[in-house]
Amino acid sequence: MRLSLSLTYLFSYNLLQFYGHTWIFTNMTARFLSFGEDAQAGTFYFVGVMMGACQLLSLLELFHIADGFEECRLFPRFMQVMERNVHLFLLISLEEFQSKPVVCVQFYLWNILGLLRYPHELFCLIGTPYFKMLWVHQTLSIPVYLLSAVTEGISILHMLPYLSESEGMDSVQLKVPASIYIYSPYILMGWLLLHVLGSSLTVLLLLKERKENLESWNKKLKKD
């Protein structure tokens, strides 16, 4: 009974994510074809709520792995989920940043990753996926993730001048034990460093995971 409930839950979750990313991708593409480059400025306004919902839901994937519902490495998924949520809700949600073209590029890359991932997960739940689908998912997801990580880094760099022009108004106060003020650009630069290190390690782990999965698939084909 538990297996049936968990299978139903995982299928519903992945299907919901697939619908959400498909809606965002279709909406963005239709607006781009209709309005051209002018559509970039309104990207967050038209699809930001749906993107936020999809990214918040993706936090459940960490519990899926921790509870054993999904078999994969926790760290790469943790990095991808936290990068997107921190980036979306702390940077892109700022009004000064929402109209930048890099937001449109970032949303496209996140959606491509979702469209590569969730159909594959659905096929894994209902049966054995096709080798071509497995290969596409395992192979294309890595360069797309790398591009996404680079775009996130560029977004952070774009935000640094804005915080620097705030003349020290944006700072964080820590009382340990005396009051210490940390300049916000320093926090952002620290996050950028962690982002680079975490993304690099994630890519290495994804490459290792791809090799293991494809080797396992090839062994099954030889046995058959």
C-alpha atoms as a PDB file:
ATOM      1  CA  MET A   1       0.000   0.000   0.000  1.00  0.00           C
ATOM      2  CA  ARG A   2       2.843   2.353   0.884  1.00  0.00           C
ATOM      3  CA  LEU A   3       4.547   1.667  -2.410  1.00  0.00           C
ATOM      4  CA  SER A   4       1.351   2.463  -4.273  1.00  0.00           C
ATOM      5  CA  LEU A   5       0.846   5.724  -2.378  1.00  0.00           C
ATOM      6  CA  SER A   6       4.461   6.798  -2.854  1.00  0.00           C
ATOM      7  CA  LEU A   7       4.309   5.976  -6.562  1.00  0.00           C
ATOM      8  CA  THR A   8       1.091   7.969  -6.955  1.00  0.00           C
ATOM      9  CA  TYR A   9       2.580  10.888  -5.048  1.00  0.00           C
ATOM     10  CA  LEU A  10       5.836  10.942  -7.040  1.00  0.00           C
ATOM     11  CA  PHE A  11       3.983  10.636 -10.344  1.00  0.00           C
ATOM     12  CA  SER A  12       1.654  13.505  -9.386  1.00  0.00           C
ATOM     13  CA  TYR A  13       4.579  15.648  -8.257  1.00  0.00           C
ATOM     14  CA  ASN A  14       6.626  15.133 -11.423  1.00  0.00           C
ATOM     15  CA  LEU A  15       3.559  15.617 -13.619  1.00  0.00           C
ATOM     16  CA  LEU A  16       2.733  18.884 -11.837  1.00  0.00           C
ATOM     17  CA  GLN A  17       6.293  20.133 -12.282  1.00  0.00           C
ATOM     18  CA  PHE A  18       6.230  19.140 -15.948  1.00  0.00           C
ATOM     19  CA  TYR A  19       2.973  21.039 -16.508  1.00  0.00           C
ATOM     20  CA  GLY A  20       4.338  24.078 -14.683  1.00  0.00           C
ATOM     21  CA  HIS A  21       7.590  24.237 -16.655  1.00  0.00           C
ATOM     22  CA  THR A  22       5.754  23.583 -19.912  1.00  0.00           C
ATOM     23  CA  TRP A  23       3.358  26.464 -19.200  1.00  0.00           C
ATOM     24  CA  ILE A  24       6.221  28.843 -18.405  1.00  0.00           C
ATOM     25  CA  PHE A  25       8.259  27.816 -21.456  1.00  0.00           C
ATOM     26  CA  THR A  26       5.247  28.101 -23.775  1.00  0.00           C
ATOM     27  CA  ASN A  27       4.210  31.467 -22.340  1.00  0.00           C
ATOM     28  CA  MET A  28       7.708  32.927 -22.621  1.00  0.00           C
ATOM     29  CA  THR A  29       8.173  31.636 -26.167  1.00  0.00           C
ATOM     30  CA  ALA A  30       4.795  32.978 -27.303  1.00  0.00           C
ATOM     31  CA  ARG A  31       5.550  36.399 -25.828  1.00  0.00           C
ATOM     32  CA  PHE A  32       8.998  36.450 -27.412  1.00  0.00           C
ATOM     33  CA  LEU A  33       7.582  35.557 -30.842  1.00  0.00           C
ATOM     34  CA  SER A  34       4.868  38.204 -30.472  1.00  0.00           C
ATOM     35  CA  PHE A  35       6.838  41.110 -28.992  1.00  0.00           C
ATOM     36  CA  GLY A  36      10.465  40.262 -29.747  1.00  0.00           C
ATOM     37  CA  GLU A  37      13.069  41.702 -27.396  1.00  0.00           C
ATOM     38  CA  ASP A  38      10.432  43.881 -25.712  1.00  0.00           C
ATOM     39  CA  ALA A  39       9.052  40.733 -24.064  1.00  0.00           C
ATOM     40  CA  GLN A  40      12.179  40.373 -21.910  1.00  0.00           C
ATOM     41  CA  ALA A  41      11.275  43.246 -19.611  1.00  0.00           C
ATOM     42  CA  GLY A  42       7.942  41.676 -18.615  1.00  0.00           C
ATOM     43  CA  THR A  43       9.182  38.115 -18.150  1.00  0.00           C
ATOM     44  CA  PHE A  44       9.074  38.159 -14.356  1.00  0.00           C
ATOM     45  CA  TYR A  45       5.696  39.896 -14.272  1.00  0.00           C
ATOM     46  CA  PHE A  46       4.004  37.256 -16.449  1.00  0.00           C
ATOM     47  CA  VAL A  47       5.661  34.028 -15.286  1.00  0.00           C
ATOM     48  CA  GLY A  48       7.323  34.924 -11.972  1.00  0.00           C
ATOM     49  CA  VAL A  49       4.544  33.531  -9.775  1.00  0.00           C
ATOM     50  CA  MET A  50       4.482  30.188 -11.578  1.00  0.00           C
ATOM     51  CA  MET A  51       8.279  29.990 -11.533  1.00  0.00           C
ATOM     52  CA  GLY A  52       8.286  30.704  -7.807  1.00  0.00           C
ATOM     53  CA  ALA A  53       5.717  27.964  -7.219  1.00  0.00           C
ATOM     54  CA  CYS A  54       7.754  25.423  -9.207  1.00  0.00           C
ATOM     55  CA  GLN A  55      10.968  26.299  -7.386  1.00  0.00           C
ATOM     56  CA  LEU A  56       9.345  26.151  -3.952  1.00  0.00           C
ATOM     57  CA  LEU A  57       7.867  22.755  -4.805  1.00  0.00           C
ATOM     58  CA  SER A  58      11.324  21.548  -5.847  1.00  0.00           C
ATOM     59  CA  LEU A  59      12.368  21.719  -2.179  1.00  0.00           C
ATOM     60  CA  LEU A  60      10.320  18.536  -1.731  1.00  0.00           C
ATOM     61  CA  GLU A  61      12.856  16.702  -3.904  1.00  0.00           C
ATOM     62  CA  LEU A  62      15.384  16.911  -1.078  1.00  0.00           C
ATOM     63  CA  PHE A  63      12.948  15.026   1.162  1.00  0.00           C
ATOM     64  CA  HIS A  64      12.311  12.510  -1.622  1.00  0.00           C
ATOM     65  CA  ILE A  65      16.002  11.611  -1.634  1.00  0.00           C
ATOM     66  CA  ALA A  66      16.366  11.686   2.157  1.00  0.00           C
ATOM     67  CA  ASP A  67      13.329   9.410   2.632  1.00  0.00           C
ATOM     68  CA  GLY A  68      14.493   6.957  -0.029  1.00  0.00           C
ATOM     69  CA  PHE A  69      11.684   7.671  -2.505  1.00  0.00           C
ATOM     70  CA  GLU A  70      14.257   8.676  -5.109  1.00  0.00           C
ATOM     71  CA  GLU A  71      17.671   7.102  -5.614  1.00  0.00           C
ATOM     72  CA  CYS A  72      20.293   9.698  -6.515  1.00  0.00           C
ATOM     73  CA  ARG A  73      23.007  11.787  -4.901  1.00  0.00           C
ATOM     74  CA  LEU A  74      21.719  14.386  -2.480  1.00  0.00           C
ATOM     75  CA  PHE A  75      24.422  17.042  -2.881  1.00  0.00           C
ATOM     76  CA  PRO A  76      23.948  17.817  -6.608  1.00  0.00           C
ATOM     77  CA  ARG A  77      20.184  18.102  -6.149  1.00  0.00           C
ATOM     78  CA  PHE A  78      20.631  20.189  -3.008  1.00  0.00           C
ATOM     79  CA  MET A  79      22.915  22.610  -4.856  1.00  0.00           C
ATOM     80  CA  GLN A  80      20.577  22.946  -7.826  1.00  0.00           C
ATOM     81  CA  VAL A  81      17.470  23.466  -5.706  1.00  0.00           C
ATOM     82  CA  MET A  82      19.048  25.934  -3.277  1.00  0.00           C
ATOM     83  CA  GLU A  83      20.824  27.893  -6.023  1.00  0.00           C
ATOM     84  CA  ARG A  84      17.577  28.487  -7.859  1.00  0.00           C
ATOM     85  CA  ASN A  85      15.533  29.378  -4.790  1.00  0.00           C
ATOM     86  CA  VAL A  86      18.130  31.745  -3.344  1.00  0.00           C
ATOM     87  CA  HIS A  87      18.698  33.319  -6.743  1.00  0.00           C
ATOM     88  CA  LEU A  88      14.999  33.700  -7.486  1.00  0.00           C
ATOM     89  CA  PHE A  89      13.748  34.996  -4.151  1.00  0.00           C
ATOM     90  CA  LEU A  90      16.738  37.106  -3.078  1.00  0.00           C
ATOM     91  CA  LEU A  91      17.948  38.558  -6.393  1.00  0.00           C
ATOM     92  CA  ILE A  92      15.438  38.251  -9.214  1.00  0.00           C
ATOM     93  CA  SER A  93      12.546  39.236  -6.952  1.00  0.00           C
ATOM     94  CA  LEU A  94      14.134  42.682  -6.475  1.00  0.00           C
ATOM     95  CA  GLU A  95      12.217  45.231  -8.522  1.00  0.00           C
ATOM     96  CA  GLU A  96      15.412  46.799  -9.885  1.00  0.00           C
ATOM     97  CA  PHE A  97      16.531  43.451 -11.280  1.00  0.00           C
ATOM     98  CA  GLN A  98      13.318  41.985 -12.713  1.00  0.00           C
ATOM     99  CA  SER A  99      13.469  43.719 -16.101  1.00  0.00           C
ATOM    100  CA  LYS A 100      17.052  42.721 -16.943  1.00  0.00           C
ATOM    101  CA  PRO A 101      17.516  40.447 -20.011  1.00  0.00           C
ATOM    102  CA  VAL A 102      19.527  37.983 -17.920  1.00  0.00           C
ATOM    103  CA  VAL A 103      16.314  37.110 -16.036  1.00  0.00           C
ATOM    104  CA  CYS A 104      14.688  35.922 -19.267  1.00  0.00           C
ATOM    105  CA  VAL A 105      17.760  33.832 -20.132  1.00  0.00           C
ATOM    106  CA  GLN A 106      17.844  32.370 -16.634  1.00  0.00           C
ATOM    107  CA  PHE A 107      14.173  31.385 -16.726  1.00  0.00           C
ATOM    108  CA  TYR A 108      14.636  29.698 -20.104  1.00  0.00           C
ATOM    109  CA  LEU A 109      17.581  27.638 -18.841  1.00  0.00           C
ATOM    110  CA  TRP A 110      15.728  26.591 -15.682  1.00  0.00           C
ATOM    111  CA  ASN A 111      12.762  25.518 -17.771  1.00  0.00           C
ATOM    112  CA  ILE A 112      14.906  23.542 -20.203  1.00  0.00           C
ATOM    113  CA  LEU A 113      16.394  21.679 -17.241  1.00  0.00           C
ATOM    114  CA  GLY A 114      12.892  20.940 -15.981  1.00  0.00           C
ATOM    115  CA  LEU A 115      11.705  19.741 -19.384  1.00  0.00           C
ATOM    116  CA  LEU A 116      14.731  17.443 -19.623  1.00  0.00           C
ATOM    117  CA  ARG A 117      14.258  16.066 -16.135  1.00  0.00           C
ATOM    118  CA  TYR A 118      10.571  15.558 -15.373  1.00  0.00           C
ATOM    119  CA  PRO A 119       9.489  13.578 -18.484  1.00  0.00           C
ATOM    120  CA  HIS A 120      12.408  11.250 -17.791  1.00  0.00           C
ATOM    121  CA  GLU A 121      11.293  10.849 -14.170  1.00  0.00           C
ATOM    122  CA  LEU A 122       7.728  10.096 -15.281  1.00  0.00           C
ATOM    123  CA  PHE A 123       8.916   7.338 -17.623  1.00  0.00           C
ATOM    124  CA  CYS A 124      11.083   5.891 -14.852  1.00  0.00           C
ATOM    125  CA  LEU A 125       8.041   5.703 -12.574  1.00  0.00           C
ATOM    126  CA  ILE A 126       5.729   3.981 -15.057  1.00  0.00           C
ATOM    127  CA  GLY A 127       8.354   1.729 -16.640  1.00  0.00           C
ATOM    128  CA  THR A 128      11.833   1.529 -18.088  1.00  0.00           C
ATOM    129  CA  PRO A 129      12.724   4.689 -20.042  1.00  0.00           C
ATOM    130  CA  TYR A 130      14.045   4.508 -23.573  1.00  0.00           C
ATOM    131  CA  PHE A 131      17.812   4.568 -23.893  1.00  0.00           C
ATOM    132  CA  LYS A 132      17.662   7.672 -26.101  1.00  0.00           C
ATOM    133  CA  MET A 133      15.621   9.525 -23.471  1.00  0.00           C
ATOM    134  CA  LEU A 134      18.044   8.428 -20.758  1.00  0.00           C
ATOM    135  CA  TRP A 135      21.001   9.555 -22.877  1.00  0.00           C
ATOM    136  CA  VAL A 136      19.422  12.929 -23.674  1.00  0.00           C
ATOM    137  CA  HIS A 137      18.575  13.537 -20.016  1.00  0.00           C
ATOM    138  CA  GLN A 138      21.973  12.481 -18.696  1.00  0.00           C
ATOM    139  CA  THR A 139      23.972  14.238 -21.432  1.00  0.00           C
ATOM    140  CA  LEU A 140      22.177  17.509 -22.168  1.00  0.00           C
ATOM    141  CA  SER A 141      21.326  18.329 -18.556  1.00  0.00           C
ATOM    142  CA  ILE A 142      24.982  18.844 -17.659  1.00  0.00           C
ATOM    143  CA  PRO A 143      25.872  21.582 -20.205  1.00  0.00           C
ATOM    144  CA  VAL A 144      22.495  23.269 -19.651  1.00  0.00           C
ATOM    145  CA  TYR A 145      23.118  23.268 -15.892  1.00  0.00           C
ATOM    146  CA  LEU A 146      26.597  24.674 -16.496  1.00  0.00           C
ATOM    147  CA  LEU A 147      25.142  27.487 -18.616  1.00  0.00           C
ATOM    148  CA  SER A 148      22.548  28.110 -15.923  1.00  0.00           C
ATOM    149  CA  ALA A 149      25.238  28.327 -13.240  1.00  0.00           C
ATOM    150  CA  VAL A 150      27.245  30.775 -15.371  1.00  0.00           C
ATOM    151  CA  THR A 151      24.132  32.900 -15.911  1.00  0.00           C
ATOM    152  CA  GLU A 152      23.454  32.925 -12.178  1.00  0.00           C
ATOM    153  CA  GLY A 153      27.016  34.114 -11.604  1.00  0.00           C
ATOM    154  CA  ILE A 154      26.544  36.884 -14.172  1.00  0.00           C
ATOM    155  CA  SER A 155      23.342  37.916 -12.404  1.00  0.00           C
ATOM    156  CA  ILE A 156      25.224  38.237  -9.124  1.00  0.00           C
ATOM    157  CA  LEU A 157      27.885  40.371 -10.822  1.00  0.00           C
ATOM    158  CA  HIS A 158      25.159  42.595 -12.296  1.00  0.00           C
ATOM    159  CA  MET A 159      23.740  43.105  -8.816  1.00  0.00           C
ATOM    160  CA  LEU A 160      27.034  44.170  -7.213  1.00  0.00           C
ATOM    161  CA  PRO A 161      27.126  47.718  -8.719  1.00  0.00           C
ATOM    162  CA  TYR A 162      23.577  48.369  -7.527  1.00  0.00           C
ATOM    163  CA  LEU A 163      24.431  47.427  -3.942  1.00  0.00           C
ATOM    164  CA  SER A 164      27.674  49.415  -4.094  1.00  0.00           C
ATOM    165  CA  GLU A 165      25.745  52.540  -5.119  1.00  0.00           C
ATOM    166  CA  SER A 166      23.545  52.227  -2.024  1.00  0.00           C
ATOM    167  CA  GLU A 167      26.274  54.057  -0.043  1.00  0.00           C
ATOM    168  CA  GLY A 168      26.341  51.557   2.783  1.00  0.00           C
ATOM    169  CA  MET A 169      22.610  51.628   3.431  1.00  0.00           C
ATOM    170  CA  ASP A 170      22.343  47.911   2.645  1.00  0.00           C
ATOM    171  CA  SER A 171      24.185  46.138   5.433  1.00  0.00           C
ATOM    172  CA  VAL A 172      23.587  43.319   7.882  1.00  0.00           C
ATOM    173  CA  GLN A 173      24.040  43.800  11.625  1.00  0.00           C
ATOM    174  CA  LEU A 174      25.432  40.950  13.709  1.00  0.00           C
ATOM    175  CA  LYS A 175      25.595  41.082  17.523  1.00  0.00           C
ATOM    176  CA  VAL A 176      28.274  38.525  18.428  1.00  0.00           C
ATOM    177  CA  PRO A 177      29.025  39.875  21.063  1.00  0.00           C
ATOM    178  CA  ALA A 178      29.380  43.451  19.777  1.00  0.00           C
ATOM    179  CA  SER A 179      27.485  44.950  16.852  1.00  0.00           C
ATOM    180  CA  ILE A 180      29.201  44.159  13.546  1.00  0.00           C
ATOM    181  CA  TYR A 181      27.979  45.554  10.240  1.00  0.00           C
ATOM    182  CA  ILE A 182      28.674  43.481   7.139  1.00  0.00           C
ATOM    183  CA  TYR A 183      28.508  45.328   3.828  1.00  0.00           C
ATOM    184  CA  SER A 184      25.964  43.619   1.540  1.00  0.00           C
ATOM    185  CA  PRO A 185      28.270  43.443  -1.530  1.00  0.00           C
ATOM    186  CA  TYR A 186      30.680  41.376   0.575  1.00  0.00           C
ATOM    187  CA  ILE A 187      27.874  38.930   1.354  1.00  0.00           C
ATOM    188  CA  LEU A 188      27.048  38.744  -2.342  1.00  0.00           C
ATOM    189  CA  MET A 189      30.696  38.157  -3.275  1.00  0.00           C
ATOM    190  CA  GLY A 190      30.893  35.414  -0.658  1.00  0.00           C
ATOM    191  CA  TRP A 191      27.772  33.815  -2.120  1.00  0.00           C
ATOM    192  CA  LEU A 192      29.341  34.067  -5.598  1.00  0.00           C
ATOM    193  CA  LEU A 193      32.428  32.202  -4.372  1.00  0.00           C
ATOM    194  CA  LEU A 194      30.307  29.473  -2.784  1.00  0.00           C
ATOM    195  CA  HIS A 195      28.239  29.340  -5.965  1.00  0.00           C
ATOM    196  CA  VAL A 196      31.318  28.747  -8.128  1.00  0.00           C
ATOM    197  CA  LEU A 197      32.719  26.058  -5.833  1.00  0.00           C
ATOM    198  CA  GLY A 198      29.383  24.307  -5.369  1.00  0.00           C
ATOM    199  CA  SER A 199      28.519  24.381  -9.070  1.00  0.00           C
ATOM    200  CA  SER A 200      31.931  22.988 -10.018  1.00  0.00           C
ATOM    201  CA  LEU A 201      31.551  20.094  -7.586  1.00  0.00           C
ATOM    202  CA  THR A 202      27.987  19.516  -8.784  1.00  0.00           C
ATOM    203  CA  VAL A 203      29.127  19.228 -12.407  1.00  0.00           C
ATOM    204  CA  LEU A 204      31.793  16.686 -11.432  1.00  0.00           C
ATOM    205  CA  LEU A 205      29.241  14.603  -9.512  1.00  0.00           C
ATOM    206  CA  LEU A 206      26.739  14.808 -12.379  1.00  0.00           C
ATOM    207  CA  LEU A 207      29.397  13.577 -14.816  1.00  0.00           C
ATOM    208  CA  LYS A 208      30.177  10.673 -12.490  1.00  0.00           C
ATOM    209  CA  GLU A 209      26.480   9.876 -12.108  1.00  0.00           C
ATOM    210  CA  ARG A 210      26.007   9.971 -15.889  1.00  0.00           C
ATOM    211  CA  LYS A 211      28.883   7.532 -16.399  1.00  0.00           C
ATOM    212  CA  GLU A 212      27.505   5.116 -13.795  1.00  0.00           C
ATOM    213  CA  ASN A 213      23.959   5.216 -15.189  1.00  0.00           C
ATOM    214  CA  LEU A 214      25.009   4.702 -18.803  1.00  0.00           C
ATOM    215  CA  GLU A 215      27.361   1.866 -17.848  1.00  0.00           C
ATOM    216  CA  SER A 216      24.563   0.193 -15.884  1.00  0.00           C
ATOM    217  CA  TRP A 217      22.221   0.557 -18.860  1.00  0.00           C
ATOM    218  CA  ASN A 218      24.795  -0.911 -21.269  1.00  0.00           C
ATOM    219  CA  LYS A 219      25.250  -3.922 -18.984  1.00  0.00           C
ATOM    220  CA  LYS A 220      21.491  -4.527 -19.010  1.00  0.00           C
ATOM    221  CA  LEU A 221      21.442  -4.342 -22.812  1.00  0.00           C
ATOM    222  CA  LYS A 222      24.249  -6.891 -23.072  1.00  0.00           C
ATOM    223  CA  LYS A 223      22.415  -9.303 -20.752  1.00  0.00           C
ATOM    224  CA  ASP A 224      19.252  -9.005 -22.848  1.00  0.00           C
END
